[in-house]
Amino acid sequence: MFTQPLIGPVRERNPFRNAAIVVLLVLACASMGRAQTSSSNQLAITDAILSAHCVPAAPTAYGIPFQGPDGRTLTIQGLNFNNAASPLVTLGGQSLTVTAFTPTTITAGFDCGQFYTGSYRLTVSTGIGQPFNDSIIFSLSTQGPAGLGGVKGDKGDPGPQGANGLNGNDGKNGSNGSNGKDGQNGLGHRVVNTQLLPGQGGCANGGVELDSYNIASDGTATLSDTKIVCHGNNGSNGNNGANGKDGAPGQNGRDGAPGLNGGQGPQGPQGPAGVAKGYYKKFDSTNITSTNSSVLSQVVTGSPAYLIDAKVNSPFANNAKSVSCSLTALDNGVLTTVDTSDALLIGNTQVTAKGGISLAGVYSASSSTASVTISVSCTTGGDTRTLTNGRLNIVGANSLN
C-alpha cells in the first residue's frame, strides 16, 4: 500500500488536520536486486503501513518527537518471514515488539513518541546474512503547507477498441453466501521515489518521480505506473531543533609510519674556548744507574692531545760514563717514545761539570677520556749518577696543527 506524500500541488483546507503522514520509500536498486535473487526462501519486504497517523507535539514542532502514547500497530507485508528464526524488526536502530507474524505478514507495536519527522531504515531479520535479511526506507513526515494548483494536462488519446468477449453460459441463481473474512493485503505493490532537480520533469522547484511496481508471487517486479509530483513554494523556516547529545569518543588512530630522516643541518656556531689542562712535576735530586728507571711520571686525562717538555741536570767528571734519557707515553697498554736524548760524554777530564738534558714533544691520545702515563726515564753507561733539578711540564690541547 502506498500513501502519496503531501509535497506537491495539493490543496487542503486545514493544513494540520492530518498532522503526520507515513511514507514508504524504497531505493530502485534494492527492489531490482531482490527481484533477481536465485534463493527461493529470500526474505523480502514489499510494503509497510502504520495503523494511524503520529500526531506532532505542536503544529510547527519539527525538532521534537511526535506525541505518544503507545497503541499504534505497524503492519509489514512481504515474503518468507518464517524462513529461519522468529523475525526481529528494527526501525532506525529502535527494536519494535513483534506481536504476530505469518510467512507474509508481521505486526509490531509502535510508539510515536520514540521518533521525529524523518526517514528511517526498516529492517526485518530472521538470521545472519542472505537470504535472512531485508530492509526498506520508512519515512515519517508532517504535512506541509498547500502548494499551488497545477495546470490541467491535455486529454489523452482514446485507446483501441477491445475484442468482444465470449458469451458465458447461463448460470443458476445461487443463494447468498455469508460474508467472508477480511483478506490479507496483496503482495504486488512497491513504489520507488526519485528526487527531481528544479526544471526536471516540468517542475520549476523540483519534485518527486514515483514509479510503481507490481510484485509477482515469485518476486518479479514490473513497472505499472509513473507519477510526477512537483514541489510547491518553500515554506517559512521552522524553529531550530535541540542540540543532540555528544557521541561517544572515537578510538585512537593507529600510529603513523616513521618519517624519513631529515637532511644535514647547518654547522653550529663556534663554542667558547675550552680551559687547557696543565700538569707540572719536579724533583730536586735522584740517583740513576745502568738500569733504566723512571725519574719523572705524570698520569693525564681529559684532552685529545698533550704538549710536553722535560729537563734534568747530570754531573760529568773524569772517567764518567755516558747518560741517556727518553720521554714516553703509555696509553691503553701501548708504550710510545715521544723524544730521546743523545748520550752525553765528559768534555774536560780535569773539571767536574753539569750538563742539561732536555726532552720535548707532542702526543695524541687514543681518546679524550683515555688515561695516559707520561714518563721520563734515564740510565748510565755503567756507573751511578745523581740527577738534580728535574722538571716535567704537560699542557692539554683540543687539537694539533
Protein backbone atom coordinates (compact mmCIF):
# COMPACT_ATOMS: atom_id res chain seq x y z
CA MET A 1 0.00 0.00 0.00
CA PHE A 2 1.38 3.49 -0.91
CA THR A 3 0.38 6.85 0.65
CA GLN A 4 1.25 9.81 -1.59
CA PRO A 5 3.45 12.38 0.33
CA LEU A 6 1.99 15.89 0.58
CA ILE A 7 4.90 17.63 -1.13
CA GLY A 8 3.30 18.68 -4.45
CA PRO A 9 0.48 20.94 -5.58
CA VAL A 10 -2.29 19.55 -3.31
CA ARG A 11 -4.95 21.78 -1.72
CA GLU A 12 -6.02 21.22 1.92
CA ARG A 13 -8.45 23.39 3.90
CA ASN A 14 -6.85 22.61 7.27
CA PRO A 15 -3.03 22.04 6.94
CA PHE A 16 -2.84 20.40 10.35
CA ARG A 17 -5.85 18.14 10.14
CA ASN A 18 -3.55 15.25 9.19
CA ALA A 19 -0.60 16.26 11.35
CA ALA A 20 1.68 13.40 10.28
CA ILE A 21 1.72 11.00 7.40
CA VAL A 22 3.67 7.82 6.83
CA VAL A 23 5.59 7.47 3.56
CA LEU A 24 7.28 4.30 2.40
CA LEU A 25 10.29 4.99 0.13
CA VAL A 26 12.33 2.18 -1.47
CA LEU A 27 15.56 2.57 -3.49
CA ALA A 28 15.27 1.30 -7.04
CA CYS A 29 18.45 -0.75 -6.80
CA ALA A 30 17.19 -2.57 -3.74
CA SER A 31 13.90 -3.63 -5.34
CA MET A 32 15.50 -4.82 -8.59
CA GLY A 33 18.27 -6.69 -6.77
CA ARG A 34 15.77 -8.62 -4.75
CA ALA A 35 13.73 -9.47 -7.80
CA GLN A 36 16.74 -11.23 -9.38
CA THR A 37 17.73 -13.33 -6.34
CA SER A 38 18.09 -17.03 -7.01
CA SER A 39 17.21 -18.06 -3.46
CA SER A 40 13.72 -19.49 -3.19
CA ASN A 41 13.48 -18.58 0.51
CA GLN A 42 14.83 -14.99 0.26
CA LEU A 43 13.16 -12.79 2.89
CA ALA A 44 11.64 -9.70 1.19
CA ILE A 45 9.67 -6.65 2.41
CA THR A 46 7.06 -5.44 -0.07
CA ASP A 47 5.07 -2.91 1.97
CA ALA A 48 4.67 -1.37 5.44
CA ILE A 49 1.90 0.84 6.83
CA LEU A 50 1.09 2.39 10.22
CA SER A 51 -2.39 1.90 11.69
CA ALA A 52 -2.86 5.62 12.45
CA HIS A 53 -1.08 8.94 11.98
CA CYS A 54 1.55 10.10 14.52
CA VAL A 55 0.49 13.49 15.94
CA PRO A 56 3.14 16.28 16.19
CA ALA A 57 3.74 17.80 19.61
CA ALA A 58 2.73 21.18 18.16
CA PRO A 59 1.78 22.48 14.67
CA THR A 60 5.36 23.67 13.93
CA ALA A 61 7.30 21.43 16.35
CA TYR A 62 9.64 19.73 13.85
CA GLY A 63 12.59 19.35 16.23
CA ILE A 64 10.89 17.25 18.94
CA PRO A 65 9.36 13.75 18.88
CA PHE A 66 5.75 13.07 17.96
CA GLN A 67 3.13 12.78 20.69
CA GLY A 68 2.65 9.42 22.39
CA PRO A 69 1.29 7.20 23.72
CA ASP A 70 1.71 3.62 22.59
CA GLY A 71 -1.09 1.74 20.88
CA ARG A 72 -0.40 2.02 17.17
CA THR A 73 0.45 -1.00 15.04
CA LEU A 74 2.95 -1.29 12.19
CA THR A 75 1.93 -3.91 9.58
CA ILE A 76 4.69 -5.24 7.30
CA GLN A 77 3.91 -7.23 4.14
CA GLY A 78 6.44 -9.44 2.34
CA LEU A 79 7.71 -12.96 1.71
CA ASN A 80 9.40 -15.72 3.74
CA PHE A 81 9.14 -14.11 7.16
CA ASN A 82 9.38 -17.68 8.53
CA ASN A 83 12.49 -18.83 6.63
CA ALA A 84 14.52 -19.27 9.87
CA ALA A 85 14.06 -17.97 13.43
CA SER A 86 11.28 -15.64 14.55
CA PRO A 87 11.64 -12.25 12.78
CA LEU A 88 13.28 -9.30 14.51
CA VAL A 89 12.09 -5.81 13.48
CA THR A 90 14.04 -2.55 13.92
CA LEU A 91 13.23 1.00 12.75
CA GLY A 92 16.14 3.44 12.73
CA GLY A 93 18.02 1.20 15.19
CA GLN A 94 14.98 1.03 17.59
CA SER A 95 13.69 -2.51 18.23
CA LEU A 96 9.92 -2.97 17.73
CA THR A 97 7.99 -5.65 19.60
CA VAL A 98 6.61 -8.26 17.17
CA THR A 99 3.07 -9.20 18.24
CA ALA A 100 2.33 -11.72 15.48
CA PHE A 101 3.73 -12.99 12.19
CA THR A 102 2.96 -15.30 9.27
CA PRO A 103 5.11 -16.11 6.22
CA THR A 104 3.79 -12.93 4.55
CA THR A 105 2.71 -10.57 7.37
CA ILE A 106 4.29 -9.14 10.53
CA THR A 107 2.52 -6.91 13.09
CA ALA A 108 4.55 -4.95 15.62
CA GLY A 109 3.78 -2.43 18.36
CA PHE A 110 4.70 1.20 17.53
CA ASP A 111 5.30 4.16 19.89
CA CYS A 112 5.20 7.51 18.02
CA GLY A 113 6.93 9.25 20.94
CA GLN A 114 10.22 7.45 20.07
CA PHE A 115 10.55 9.13 16.63
CA TYR A 116 10.94 12.52 14.93
CA THR A 117 9.96 13.67 11.46
CA GLY A 118 12.39 12.00 9.05
CA SER A 119 13.35 8.82 7.18
CA TYR A 120 14.38 5.61 8.95
CA ARG A 121 15.63 2.21 7.77
CA LEU A 122 13.05 -0.52 8.48
CA THR A 123 14.79 -3.91 8.81
CA VAL A 124 13.40 -7.45 9.18
CA SER A 125 15.87 -10.20 10.12
CA THR A 126 15.48 -13.93 10.78
CA GLY A 127 19.19 -14.79 10.79
CA ILE A 128 22.65 -13.73 9.65
CA GLY A 129 23.35 -12.67 6.04
CA GLN A 130 21.31 -13.66 2.98
CA PRO A 131 18.62 -14.81 2.49
CA PHE A 132 17.52 -13.90 6.06
CA ASN A 133 17.55 -10.07 5.94
CA ASP A 134 15.85 -7.24 4.04
CA SER A 135 15.30 -3.51 4.64
CA ILE A 136 13.50 -0.50 3.12
CA ILE A 137 13.31 3.24 3.83
CA PHE A 138 10.31 4.21 6.01
CA SER A 139 9.56 7.95 6.31
CA LEU A 140 7.58 9.87 8.95
CA SER A 141 6.78 13.37 7.71
CA THR A 142 4.46 16.21 8.71
CA GLN A 143 2.09 17.77 6.25
CA GLY A 144 3.50 20.94 4.67
CA PRO A 145 1.57 23.99 3.50
CA ALA A 146 -0.67 23.59 0.49
CA GLY A 147 1.00 24.11 -2.87
CA LEU A 148 -0.44 25.98 -5.85
CA GLY A 149 -2.77 24.15 -8.17
CA GLY A 150 -1.06 22.61 -11.19
CA VAL A 151 -2.02 23.21 -14.82
CA LYS A 152 -4.50 20.70 -16.15
CA GLY A 153 -2.90 18.29 -18.59
CA ASP A 154 -4.09 17.53 -22.11
CA LYS A 155 -6.61 14.78 -22.58
CA GLY A 156 -5.01 11.53 -23.70
CA ASP A 157 -5.89 9.76 -26.96
CA PRO A 158 -8.56 7.05 -26.69
CA GLY A 159 -7.26 3.51 -26.68
CA PRO A 160 -8.13 0.93 -29.36
CA GLN A 161 -11.45 -0.97 -29.22
CA GLY A 162 -11.08 -4.25 -27.39
CA ALA A 163 -12.37 -7.53 -28.85
CA ASN A 164 -15.79 -8.78 -27.80
CA GLY A 165 -15.71 -11.32 -25.02
CA LEU A 166 -17.23 -14.80 -25.38
CA ASN A 167 -20.79 -15.35 -24.25
CA GLY A 168 -20.92 -17.16 -20.99
CA ASN A 169 -23.34 -19.99 -20.12
CA ASP A 170 -26.49 -19.11 -18.29
CA GLY A 171 -25.94 -19.82 -14.68
CA LYS A 172 -28.43 -20.54 -11.98
CA ASN A 173 -29.00 -18.08 -9.27
CA GLY A 174 -27.33 -19.29 -6.13
CA SER A 175 -28.23 -18.46 -2.60
CA ASN A 176 -26.44 -15.56 -0.94
CA GLY A 177 -23.28 -16.65 0.80
CA SER A 178 -22.17 -15.42 4.21
CA ASN A 179 -19.67 -12.58 4.39
CA GLY A 180 -16.08 -13.81 4.21
CA LYS A 181 -13.21 -12.71 6.47
CA ASP A 182 -11.12 -9.74 5.51
CA GLY A 183 -8.29 -10.89 3.25
CA GLN A 184 -4.61 -10.02 3.69
CA ASN A 185 -3.05 -7.14 1.80
CA GLY A 186 -1.78 -8.19 -1.63
CA LEU A 187 1.90 -8.75 -2.32
CA GLY A 188 2.16 -6.82 -5.53
CA HIS A 189 2.95 -3.14 -4.97
CA ARG A 190 6.17 -1.23 -4.46
CA VAL A 191 6.96 2.44 -5.08
CA VAL A 192 10.40 3.89 -5.96
CA ASN A 193 10.90 7.57 -5.03
CA THR A 194 13.34 9.58 -7.26
CA GLN A 195 14.12 13.22 -6.38
CA LEU A 196 13.88 15.68 -9.32
CA LEU A 197 16.04 18.80 -9.54
CA PRO A 198 14.44 22.19 -10.36
CA GLY A 199 13.45 22.19 -14.04
CA GLN A 200 13.32 18.38 -14.36
CA GLY A 201 10.04 16.63 -15.14
CA GLY A 202 8.34 20.00 -15.77
CA CYS A 203 8.73 21.03 -12.09
CA ALA A 204 10.04 24.59 -11.60
CA ASN A 205 11.00 23.90 -7.96
CA GLY A 206 11.91 20.26 -8.44
CA GLY A 207 9.80 17.38 -7.26
CA VAL A 208 9.50 13.61 -6.95
CA GLU A 209 9.03 10.89 -9.56
CA LEU A 210 7.02 7.98 -8.15
CA ASP A 211 7.47 4.69 -10.04
CA SER A 212 5.01 1.95 -9.03
CA TYR A 213 5.98 -1.72 -9.46
CA ASN A 214 3.75 -4.81 -9.28
CA ILE A 215 5.45 -7.64 -7.40
CA ALA A 216 4.51 -11.16 -8.50
CA SER A 217 4.42 -14.09 -6.08
CA ASP A 218 7.84 -15.19 -7.35
CA GLY A 219 9.32 -11.76 -6.51
CA THR A 220 9.44 -10.43 -10.12
CA ALA A 221 8.95 -6.62 -10.26
CA THR A 222 7.08 -4.98 -13.21
CA LEU A 223 6.72 -1.20 -13.68
CA SER A 224 2.98 -0.41 -13.63
CA ASP A 225 2.68 3.38 -13.24
CA THR A 226 4.77 6.57 -13.09
CA LYS A 227 3.64 9.83 -11.46
CA ILE A 228 5.47 13.14 -11.03
CA VAL A 229 4.62 15.38 -8.07
CA CYS A 230 6.12 18.88 -8.16
CA HIS A 231 7.25 20.74 -5.07
CA GLY A 232 5.32 23.84 -4.08
CA ASN A 233 6.95 27.07 -2.99
CA ASN A 234 9.19 26.80 0.05
CA GLY A 235 7.51 27.45 3.37
CA SER A 236 8.98 29.60 6.13
CA ASN A 237 11.88 28.20 8.14
CA GLY A 238 10.93 26.16 11.19
CA ASN A 239 12.38 26.56 14.66
CA ASN A 240 15.85 25.21 15.27
CA GLY A 241 15.87 21.74 16.79
CA ALA A 242 17.50 20.98 20.11
CA ASN A 243 21.18 20.03 20.03
CA GLY A 244 21.77 16.29 20.09
CA LYS A 245 23.91 14.62 22.70
CA ASP A 246 27.62 14.30 22.06
CA GLY A 247 28.60 10.97 20.60
CA ALA A 248 31.00 8.61 22.33
CA PRO A 249 34.70 9.39 21.77
CA GLY A 250 36.18 7.51 18.83
CA GLN A 251 39.03 5.07 19.18
CA ASN A 252 42.59 6.33 18.97
CA GLY A 253 44.01 6.14 15.47
CA ARG A 254 46.96 3.92 14.64
CA ASP A 255 50.46 5.34 14.85
CA GLY A 256 51.72 6.72 11.57
CA ALA A 257 54.73 5.28 9.75
CA PRO A 258 58.13 6.64 10.88
CA GLY A 259 59.12 9.77 8.99
CA LEU A 260 62.19 9.95 6.75
CA ASN A 261 65.49 11.15 8.20
CA GLY A 262 65.96 14.88 7.86
CA GLY A 263 68.85 16.39 5.91
CA GLN A 264 72.13 17.50 7.45
CA GLY A 265 71.60 20.65 9.46
CA PRO A 266 73.90 23.70 9.21
CA GLN A 267 77.08 23.81 11.27
CA GLY A 268 76.54 25.31 14.69
CA PRO A 269 78.41 28.38 15.93
CA GLN A 270 81.92 28.06 17.33
CA GLY A 271 81.79 27.20 21.00
CA PRO A 272 83.79 29.08 23.62
CA ALA A 273 87.44 28.15 24.03
CA GLY A 274 88.00 25.32 26.44
CA VAL A 275 90.18 25.56 29.52
CA ALA A 276 93.53 23.84 28.86
CA LYS A 277 94.59 21.31 31.47
CA GLY A 278 98.16 21.65 32.68
CA TYR A 279 100.41 19.35 34.74
CA TYR A 280 103.77 20.01 36.45
CA LYS A 281 106.10 17.55 38.13
CA LYS A 282 109.67 18.08 39.53
CA PHE A 283 112.44 16.62 41.75
CA ASP A 284 115.47 18.15 43.50
CA SER A 285 117.75 15.14 43.10
CA THR A 286 117.58 11.45 42.29
CA ASN A 287 120.08 8.69 41.56
CA ILE A 288 120.31 6.66 38.36
CA THR A 289 122.32 3.57 37.48
CA SER A 290 122.95 1.41 34.47
CA THR A 291 119.40 0.05 34.88
CA ASN A 292 116.85 2.25 33.09
CA SER A 293 114.48 3.81 35.65
CA SER A 294 111.69 6.44 35.72
CA VAL A 295 112.70 9.75 37.29
CA LEU A 296 109.56 11.80 36.43
CA SER A 297 105.99 10.45 35.80
CA GLN A 298 102.51 12.01 35.49
CA VAL A 299 99.05 10.49 34.66
CA VAL A 300 96.95 12.76 32.42
CA THR A 301 93.38 12.52 31.00
CA GLY A 302 90.55 14.66 29.57
CA SER A 303 92.30 16.02 26.43
CA PRO A 304 92.73 14.60 22.94
CA ALA A 305 96.40 15.80 22.73
CA TYR A 306 99.23 16.94 25.01
CA LEU A 307 102.25 19.31 24.69
CA ILE A 308 105.22 18.01 26.75
CA ASP A 309 108.66 19.29 27.71
CA ALA A 310 111.10 17.93 30.34
CA LYS A 311 114.62 18.73 31.60
CA VAL A 312 117.13 17.09 34.00
CA ASN A 313 120.71 18.08 35.04
CA SER A 314 123.51 15.48 35.18
CA PRO A 315 127.13 15.93 36.55
CA PHE A 316 130.11 14.79 34.44
CA ALA A 317 133.71 14.23 35.62
CA ASN A 318 136.89 12.40 34.57
CA ASN A 319 136.11 8.83 33.52
CA ALA A 320 132.33 9.40 33.92
CA LYS A 321 130.08 7.17 31.84
CA SER A 322 127.51 8.40 29.33
CA VAL A 323 123.94 9.34 30.38
CA SER A 324 120.86 8.95 28.15
CA CYS A 325 117.15 9.76 28.81
CA SER A 326 113.86 9.16 26.98
CA LEU A 327 110.31 10.70 27.09
CA THR A 328 107.49 8.11 26.73
CA ALA A 329 103.65 7.87 26.82
CA LEU A 330 101.78 4.70 27.99
CA ASP A 331 98.21 4.63 26.54
CA ASN A 332 95.95 1.53 26.91
CA GLY A 333 98.98 -0.73 27.32
CA VAL A 334 100.85 0.73 24.31
CA LEU A 335 104.20 2.48 25.03
CA THR A 336 105.16 5.29 22.64
CA THR A 337 108.53 7.09 22.65
CA VAL A 338 107.95 10.83 22.28
CA ASP A 339 111.64 12.01 22.45
CA THR A 340 115.14 10.70 23.38
CA SER A 341 118.50 12.32 24.24
CA ASP A 342 121.89 11.53 22.76
CA ALA A 343 124.47 10.11 25.19
CA LEU A 344 126.40 12.90 26.89
CA LEU A 345 130.23 12.45 27.34
CA ILE A 346 132.61 14.40 29.55
CA GLY A 347 134.21 17.27 27.66
CA ASN A 348 137.08 18.06 30.14
CA THR A 349 138.97 15.40 32.03
CA GLN A 350 140.15 17.84 34.70
CA VAL A 351 136.90 19.61 35.70
CA THR A 352 133.60 18.24 37.01
CA ALA A 353 130.67 19.89 35.20
CA LYS A 354 126.90 19.60 34.92
CA GLY A 355 125.09 19.26 31.64
CA GLY A 356 121.38 19.69 30.99
CA ILE A 357 119.31 17.05 29.18
CA SER A 358 116.14 18.49 27.51
CA LEU A 359 113.28 16.43 26.07
CA ALA A 360 110.12 17.74 24.33
CA GLY A 361 107.33 16.62 22.03
CA VAL A 362 103.57 16.22 21.47
CA TYR A 363 101.32 13.17 21.91
CA SER A 364 97.80 12.45 20.53
CA ALA A 365 95.83 10.24 22.91
CA SER A 366 93.66 7.33 21.74
CA SER A 367 90.62 9.30 23.05
CA SER A 368 89.93 12.37 25.14
CA THR A 369 88.88 10.12 28.04
CA ALA A 370 91.95 7.84 27.87
CA SER A 371 94.25 7.71 30.90
CA VAL A 372 97.87 8.30 29.68
CA THR A 373 101.04 7.92 31.80
CA ILE A 374 103.80 10.27 30.60
CA SER A 375 107.27 9.46 31.99
CA VAL A 376 110.96 10.49 31.80
CA SER A 377 113.35 7.52 32.18
CA CYS A 378 117.20 7.72 32.43
CA THR A 379 120.18 5.31 32.55
CA THR A 380 124.01 5.48 32.71
CA GLY A 381 126.70 3.66 30.80
CA GLY A 382 127.74 1.70 33.94
CA ASP A 383 128.16 3.97 36.94
CA THR A 384 125.87 5.74 39.42
CA ARG A 385 124.94 9.35 38.87
CA THR A 386 122.90 11.93 40.80
CA LEU A 387 120.47 13.97 38.71
CA THR A 388 119.34 17.36 40.03
CA ASN A 389 116.54 19.90 39.45
CA GLY A 390 114.38 17.73 37.16
CA ARG A 391 111.02 19.02 35.87
CA LEU A 392 108.15 17.81 33.66
CA ASN A 393 105.58 20.22 32.09
CA ILE A 394 102.41 18.94 30.33
CA VAL A 395 99.60 21.04 28.74
CA GLY A 396 96.35 19.53 27.32
CA ALA A 397 95.23 20.66 23.83
CA ASN A 398 91.98 20.27 21.78
CA SER A 399 93.84 19.64 18.54
CA LEU A 400 97.33 19.65 16.97
CA ASN A 401 98.11 21.53 13.74
